[in-house]
Amino acid sequence: MSTAAVSTRPGKVLADLLPASRTRDIALVLGGAALTGIAAQLAVPVPGSPVPVTGQTFAALLVGTALGARRGFLSLALYALVGMAGVPWFAQGTSGAGGASFGYVIGMLLASTVVGALARRGGDRSVLRTAGTMVLGSALIYAVGVPYLAAVTGMTLTQAVAAGLTPFLIGDALKAALAMGVLPTAWKFADK
């Protein structure tokens, strides 16, 4: 059995294909947080919603699947903590806790951890598994973000769903389709 075949079995994530070291793990965590912060700046306002469409949800799910649960959690925790401390790298250059979209940041922390655990079990190896992993990750983000949006803004849950979930479903489907192409393809290249 070749080394590549051993390295791509379930139990590993893409980051595990790099030589193991503490420096690697630190760089991956910092890189995951930075990627999420940069992706959050790709923001398009949604009429009637205090929550914009951003690239940060895609980045958070990609970080989780590529780095695994532990490093994905640490990356998103760092992203959240640094943003809460005042670095303007949440959506649209905002920072701090308590904004209308901060619940989505908390949801991304949870989702990154869960999709990382699923990736370690092979959840990113095929198109169908990747689709399921991304859908679950997105659902976790909304499960925290939408009720938080309602609580912070005074919206009813129905209004929060209309403003903080429904307008984003098409974009999330596109992000999932992108992940369904990227992640299994990366594993195919790793097998060679």
C-alpha atoms as a PDB file:
ATOM      1  CA  MET A   1       0.000   0.000   0.000  1.00  0.00           C
ATOM      2  CA  SER A   2       1.408   3.411  -0.927  1.00  0.00           C
ATOM      3  CA  THR A   3       1.959   6.242   1.541  1.00  0.00           C
ATOM      4  CA  ALA A   4      -0.646   8.360  -0.251  1.00  0.00           C
ATOM      5  CA  ALA A   5      -3.268   5.630   0.088  1.00  0.00           C
ATOM      6  CA  VAL A   6      -2.612   5.383   3.808  1.00  0.00           C
ATOM      7  CA  SER A   7      -2.719   9.142   4.319  1.00  0.00           C
ATOM      8  CA  THR A   8      -6.117   9.667   2.674  1.00  0.00           C
ATOM      9  CA  ARG A   9      -8.053   7.075   4.660  1.00  0.00           C
ATOM     10  CA  PRO A  10     -10.788   8.353   6.931  1.00  0.00           C
ATOM     11  CA  GLY A  11      -9.273   9.413  10.224  1.00  0.00           C
ATOM     12  CA  LYS A  12      -7.287  12.141   8.524  1.00  0.00           C
ATOM     13  CA  VAL A  13      -8.151  15.573   7.226  1.00  0.00           C
ATOM     14  CA  LEU A  14      -6.402  17.485   4.455  1.00  0.00           C
ATOM     15  CA  ALA A  15      -4.170  19.346   6.926  1.00  0.00           C
ATOM     16  CA  ASP A  16      -2.838  16.013   8.188  1.00  0.00           C
ATOM     17  CA  LEU A  17      -1.154  15.505   4.814  1.00  0.00           C
ATOM     18  CA  LEU A  18       1.381  18.188   5.785  1.00  0.00           C
ATOM     19  CA  PRO A  19       4.363  17.162   7.930  1.00  0.00           C
ATOM     20  CA  ALA A  20       3.266  17.169  11.571  1.00  0.00           C
ATOM     21  CA  SER A  21       4.649  19.796  13.940  1.00  0.00           C
ATOM     22  CA  ARG A  22       3.471  22.293  16.500  1.00  0.00           C
ATOM     23  CA  THR A  23       4.525  25.057  14.117  1.00  0.00           C
ATOM     24  CA  ARG A  24       2.301  23.571  11.407  1.00  0.00           C
ATOM     25  CA  ASP A  25      -0.677  23.481  13.746  1.00  0.00           C
ATOM     26  CA  ILE A  26      -0.137  27.069  14.905  1.00  0.00           C
ATOM     27  CA  ALA A  27       0.219  28.269  11.306  1.00  0.00           C
ATOM     28  CA  LEU A  28      -2.931  26.389  10.274  1.00  0.00           C
ATOM     29  CA  VAL A  29      -4.968  27.857  13.150  1.00  0.00           C
ATOM     30  CA  LEU A  30      -3.733  31.382  12.429  1.00  0.00           C
ATOM     31  CA  GLY A  31      -4.316  30.888   8.704  1.00  0.00           C
ATOM     32  CA  GLY A  32      -7.837  29.560   9.294  1.00  0.00           C
ATOM     33  CA  ALA A  33      -8.728  32.589  11.416  1.00  0.00           C
ATOM     34  CA  ALA A  34      -7.209  34.967   8.859  1.00  0.00           C
ATOM     35  CA  LEU A  35      -8.988  33.269   5.947  1.00  0.00           C
ATOM     36  CA  THR A  36     -12.310  33.630   7.766  1.00  0.00           C
ATOM     37  CA  GLY A  37     -11.620  37.293   8.546  1.00  0.00           C
ATOM     38  CA  ILE A  38     -10.665  38.049   4.949  1.00  0.00           C
ATOM     39  CA  ALA A  39     -13.672  36.155   3.582  1.00  0.00           C
ATOM     40  CA  ALA A  40     -15.957  38.144   5.888  1.00  0.00           C
ATOM     41  CA  GLN A  41     -14.966  41.279   3.984  1.00  0.00           C
ATOM     42  CA  LEU A  42     -16.525  39.828   0.834  1.00  0.00           C
ATOM     43  CA  ALA A  43     -19.924  41.147   1.869  1.00  0.00           C
ATOM     44  CA  VAL A  44     -23.038  42.092  -0.061  1.00  0.00           C
ATOM     45  CA  PRO A  45     -25.854  43.832   1.825  1.00  0.00           C
ATOM     46  CA  VAL A  46     -29.243  42.140   1.703  1.00  0.00           C
ATOM     47  CA  PRO A  47     -32.180  44.551   1.425  1.00  0.00           C
ATOM     48  CA  GLY A  48     -34.364  44.310   4.522  1.00  0.00           C
ATOM     49  CA  SER A  49     -31.794  42.350   6.531  1.00  0.00           C
ATOM     50  CA  PRO A  50     -29.122  43.490   8.969  1.00  0.00           C
ATOM     51  CA  VAL A  51     -27.090  40.422   7.909  1.00  0.00           C
ATOM     52  CA  PRO A  52     -25.087  40.583   4.669  1.00  0.00           C
ATOM     53  CA  VAL A  53     -24.150  37.724   2.370  1.00  0.00           C
ATOM     54  CA  THR A  54     -20.473  37.023   3.053  1.00  0.00           C
ATOM     55  CA  GLY A  55     -17.749  34.557   2.298  1.00  0.00           C
ATOM     56  CA  GLN A  56     -17.102  33.889   5.982  1.00  0.00           C
ATOM     57  CA  THR A  57     -19.563  31.017   6.310  1.00  0.00           C
ATOM     58  CA  PHE A  58     -17.893  29.229   3.401  1.00  0.00           C
ATOM     59  CA  ALA A  59     -14.469  29.920   4.914  1.00  0.00           C
ATOM     60  CA  ALA A  60     -15.552  28.637   8.334  1.00  0.00           C
ATOM     61  CA  LEU A  61     -16.874  25.390   6.848  1.00  0.00           C
ATOM     62  CA  LEU A  62     -13.803  24.988   4.654  1.00  0.00           C
ATOM     63  CA  VAL A  63     -11.504  25.617   7.633  1.00  0.00           C
ATOM     64  CA  GLY A  64     -13.338  22.987   9.665  1.00  0.00           C
ATOM     65  CA  THR A  65     -13.226  20.326   6.974  1.00  0.00           C
ATOM     66  CA  ALA A  66      -9.629  20.993   5.962  1.00  0.00           C
ATOM     67  CA  LEU A  67      -8.179  21.366   9.464  1.00  0.00           C
ATOM     68  CA  GLY A  68     -10.343  18.995  11.492  1.00  0.00           C
ATOM     69  CA  ALA A  69     -12.440  19.612  14.589  1.00  0.00           C
ATOM     70  CA  ARG A  70      -9.727  20.736  17.019  1.00  0.00           C
ATOM     71  CA  ARG A  71      -7.840  23.095  14.718  1.00  0.00           C
ATOM     72  CA  GLY A  72     -11.109  24.269  13.128  1.00  0.00           C
ATOM     73  CA  PHE A  73     -12.497  25.110  16.568  1.00  0.00           C
ATOM     74  CA  LEU A  74      -9.296  26.921  17.541  1.00  0.00           C
ATOM     75  CA  SER A  75      -9.275  28.905  14.273  1.00  0.00           C
ATOM     76  CA  LEU A  76     -12.865  30.060  14.690  1.00  0.00           C
ATOM     77  CA  ALA A  77     -12.391  30.723  18.403  1.00  0.00           C
ATOM     78  CA  LEU A  78      -9.397  32.911  17.563  1.00  0.00           C
ATOM     79  CA  TYR A  79     -11.410  34.652  14.845  1.00  0.00           C
ATOM     80  CA  ALA A  80     -14.260  35.327  17.296  1.00  0.00           C
ATOM     81  CA  LEU A  81     -12.048  36.423  20.199  1.00  0.00           C
ATOM     82  CA  VAL A  82      -9.914  38.777  18.112  1.00  0.00           C
ATOM     83  CA  GLY A  83     -13.032  40.274  16.531  1.00  0.00           C
ATOM     84  CA  MET A  84     -14.618  40.710  19.951  1.00  0.00           C
ATOM     85  CA  ALA A  85     -11.426  42.443  21.100  1.00  0.00           C
ATOM     86  CA  GLY A  86     -11.867  45.075  18.400  1.00  0.00           C
ATOM     87  CA  VAL A  87     -10.187  43.889  15.206  1.00  0.00           C
ATOM     88  CA  PRO A  88     -12.650  44.913  12.461  1.00  0.00           C
ATOM     89  CA  TRP A  89     -12.742  41.610  10.611  1.00  0.00           C
ATOM     90  CA  PHE A  90     -16.319  40.503  11.125  1.00  0.00           C
ATOM     91  CA  ALA A  91     -18.720  41.037   8.224  1.00  0.00           C
ATOM     92  CA  GLN A  92     -18.405  44.475   6.634  1.00  0.00           C
ATOM     93  CA  GLY A  93     -15.445  45.445   8.815  1.00  0.00           C
ATOM     94  CA  THR A  94     -17.313  45.316  12.112  1.00  0.00           C
ATOM     95  CA  SER A  95     -16.064  44.046  15.457  1.00  0.00           C
ATOM     96  CA  GLY A  96     -17.315  43.360  18.956  1.00  0.00           C
ATOM     97  CA  ALA A  97     -19.941  41.063  20.404  1.00  0.00           C
ATOM     98  CA  GLY A  98     -23.639  41.784  20.399  1.00  0.00           C
ATOM     99  CA  GLY A  99     -24.212  42.882  16.807  1.00  0.00           C
ATOM    100  CA  ALA A 100     -27.096  41.424  14.835  1.00  0.00           C
ATOM    101  CA  SER A 101     -24.839  38.932  13.037  1.00  0.00           C
ATOM    102  CA  PHE A 102     -22.675  37.853  15.990  1.00  0.00           C
ATOM    103  CA  GLY A 103     -24.848  34.764  16.515  1.00  0.00           C
ATOM    104  CA  TYR A 104     -23.696  33.541  13.130  1.00  0.00           C
ATOM    105  CA  VAL A 105     -20.077  33.832  14.312  1.00  0.00           C
ATOM    106  CA  ILE A 106     -20.913  31.642  17.304  1.00  0.00           C
ATOM    107  CA  GLY A 107     -22.717  29.232  14.967  1.00  0.00           C
ATOM    108  CA  MET A 108     -19.637  29.113  12.713  1.00  0.00           C
ATOM    109  CA  LEU A 109     -17.516  28.104  15.697  1.00  0.00           C
ATOM    110  CA  LEU A 110     -19.852  25.185  16.353  1.00  0.00           C
ATOM    111  CA  ALA A 111     -20.206  24.296  12.669  1.00  0.00           C
ATOM    112  CA  SER A 112     -16.454  24.326  12.039  1.00  0.00           C
ATOM    113  CA  THR A 113     -15.978  21.867  14.869  1.00  0.00           C
ATOM    114  CA  VAL A 114     -18.734  19.519  13.704  1.00  0.00           C
ATOM    115  CA  VAL A 115     -17.765  19.531  10.012  1.00  0.00           C
ATOM    116  CA  GLY A 116     -14.150  18.938  11.080  1.00  0.00           C
ATOM    117  CA  ALA A 117     -15.216  15.851  13.006  1.00  0.00           C
ATOM    118  CA  LEU A 118     -17.238  14.657  10.018  1.00  0.00           C
ATOM    119  CA  ALA A 119     -14.298  15.241   7.666  1.00  0.00           C
ATOM    120  CA  ARG A 120     -12.122  13.087   9.897  1.00  0.00           C
ATOM    121  CA  ARG A 121     -14.722  10.342   9.311  1.00  0.00           C
ATOM    122  CA  GLY A 122     -14.648  10.803   5.522  1.00  0.00           C
ATOM    123  CA  GLY A 123     -17.341  13.468   5.241  1.00  0.00           C
ATOM    124  CA  ASP A 124     -15.354  15.381   2.610  1.00  0.00           C
ATOM    125  CA  ARG A 125     -14.192  12.498   0.407  1.00  0.00           C
ATOM    126  CA  SER A 126     -17.084  12.315  -2.072  1.00  0.00           C
ATOM    127  CA  VAL A 127     -19.485  14.799  -3.615  1.00  0.00           C
ATOM    128  CA  LEU A 128     -22.497  13.367  -1.783  1.00  0.00           C
ATOM    129  CA  ARG A 129     -20.780  13.213   1.616  1.00  0.00           C
ATOM    130  CA  THR A 130     -19.414  16.721   1.185  1.00  0.00           C
ATOM    131  CA  ALA A 131     -22.914  17.966   0.348  1.00  0.00           C
ATOM    132  CA  GLY A 132     -24.283  16.440   3.550  1.00  0.00           C
ATOM    133  CA  THR A 133     -21.413  17.847   5.609  1.00  0.00           C
ATOM    134  CA  MET A 134     -21.904  21.362   4.210  1.00  0.00           C
ATOM    135  CA  VAL A 135     -25.692  21.259   4.667  1.00  0.00           C
ATOM    136  CA  LEU A 136     -25.303  20.197   8.299  1.00  0.00           C
ATOM    137  CA  GLY A 137     -22.667  22.869   8.905  1.00  0.00           C
ATOM    138  CA  SER A 138     -24.884  25.566   7.391  1.00  0.00           C
ATOM    139  CA  ALA A 139     -27.870  24.365   9.427  1.00  0.00           C
ATOM    140  CA  LEU A 140     -25.823  24.682  12.629  1.00  0.00           C
ATOM    141  CA  ILE A 141     -24.835  28.245  11.735  1.00  0.00           C
ATOM    142  CA  TYR A 142     -28.484  29.172  11.208  1.00  0.00           C
ATOM    143  CA  ALA A 143     -29.617  27.286  14.323  1.00  0.00           C
ATOM    144  CA  VAL A 144     -27.563  29.705  16.411  1.00  0.00           C
ATOM    145  CA  GLY A 145     -27.567  32.797  14.174  1.00  0.00           C
ATOM    146  CA  VAL A 146     -31.281  33.159  13.495  1.00  0.00           C
ATOM    147  CA  PRO A 147     -32.498  32.983  17.124  1.00  0.00           C
ATOM    148  CA  TYR A 148     -29.661  35.334  18.133  1.00  0.00           C
ATOM    149  CA  LEU A 149     -30.740  37.736  15.374  1.00  0.00           C
ATOM    150  CA  ALA A 150     -34.302  37.634  16.710  1.00  0.00           C
ATOM    151  CA  ALA A 151     -33.179  38.219  20.295  1.00  0.00           C
ATOM    152  CA  VAL A 152     -30.859  41.125  19.499  1.00  0.00           C
ATOM    153  CA  THR A 153     -33.136  42.950  17.055  1.00  0.00           C
ATOM    154  CA  GLY A 154     -36.509  42.249  18.678  1.00  0.00           C
ATOM    155  CA  MET A 155     -37.736  40.446  15.569  1.00  0.00           C
ATOM    156  CA  THR A 156     -40.112  37.552  15.891  1.00  0.00           C
ATOM    157  CA  LEU A 157     -38.631  34.186  14.964  1.00  0.00           C
ATOM    158  CA  THR A 158     -40.621  34.275  11.706  1.00  0.00           C
ATOM    159  CA  GLN A 159     -39.201  37.696  10.863  1.00  0.00           C
ATOM    160  CA  ALA A 160     -35.685  36.530  11.744  1.00  0.00           C
ATOM    161  CA  VAL A 161     -36.054  33.509   9.452  1.00  0.00           C
ATOM    162  CA  ALA A 162     -37.247  35.815   6.651  1.00  0.00           C
ATOM    163  CA  ALA A 163     -34.361  38.255   7.189  1.00  0.00           C
ATOM    164  CA  GLY A 164     -31.584  35.943   8.352  1.00  0.00           C
ATOM    165  CA  LEU A 165     -32.102  32.609   6.603  1.00  0.00           C
ATOM    166  CA  THR A 166     -34.346  32.658   3.537  1.00  0.00           C
ATOM    167  CA  PRO A 167     -32.326  35.224   1.496  1.00  0.00           C
ATOM    168  CA  PHE A 168     -29.156  33.173   2.005  1.00  0.00           C
ATOM    169  CA  LEU A 169     -30.287  29.732   0.858  1.00  0.00           C
ATOM    170  CA  ILE A 170     -29.330  30.153  -2.808  1.00  0.00           C
ATOM    171  CA  GLY A 171     -25.890  31.465  -1.873  1.00  0.00           C
ATOM    172  CA  ASP A 172     -25.398  28.589   0.555  1.00  0.00           C
ATOM    173  CA  ALA A 173     -26.329  26.119  -2.167  1.00  0.00           C
ATOM    174  CA  LEU A 174     -23.669  27.680  -4.408  1.00  0.00           C
ATOM    175  CA  LYS A 175     -21.084  27.550  -1.601  1.00  0.00           C
ATOM    176  CA  ALA A 176     -21.931  23.892  -0.967  1.00  0.00           C
ATOM    177  CA  ALA A 177     -21.577  23.150  -4.684  1.00  0.00           C
ATOM    178  CA  LEU A 178     -18.148  24.798  -4.671  1.00  0.00           C
ATOM    179  CA  ALA A 179     -17.094  22.727  -1.663  1.00  0.00           C
ATOM    180  CA  MET A 180     -18.470  19.596  -3.345  1.00  0.00           C
ATOM    181  CA  GLY A 181     -16.060  20.248  -6.195  1.00  0.00           C
ATOM    182  CA  VAL A 182     -13.024  21.417  -4.227  1.00  0.00           C
ATOM    183  CA  LEU A 183     -12.775  18.975  -1.321  1.00  0.00           C
ATOM    184  CA  PRO A 184     -13.227  15.616  -3.086  1.00  0.00           C
ATOM    185  CA  THR A 185     -10.920  16.869  -5.860  1.00  0.00           C
ATOM    186  CA  ALA A 186      -8.241  17.748  -3.306  1.00  0.00           C
ATOM    187  CA  TRP A 187      -8.465  14.192  -1.935  1.00  0.00           C
ATOM    188  CA  LYS A 188      -8.147  12.760  -5.453  1.00  0.00           C
ATOM    189  CA  PHE A 189      -4.956  14.758  -5.976  1.00  0.00           C
ATOM    190  CA  ALA A 190      -3.686  13.610  -2.579  1.00  0.00           C
ATOM    191  CA  ASP A 191      -4.221  10.010  -3.649  1.00  0.00           C
ATOM    192  CA  LYS A 192      -1.842  10.462  -6.597  1.00  0.00           C
END
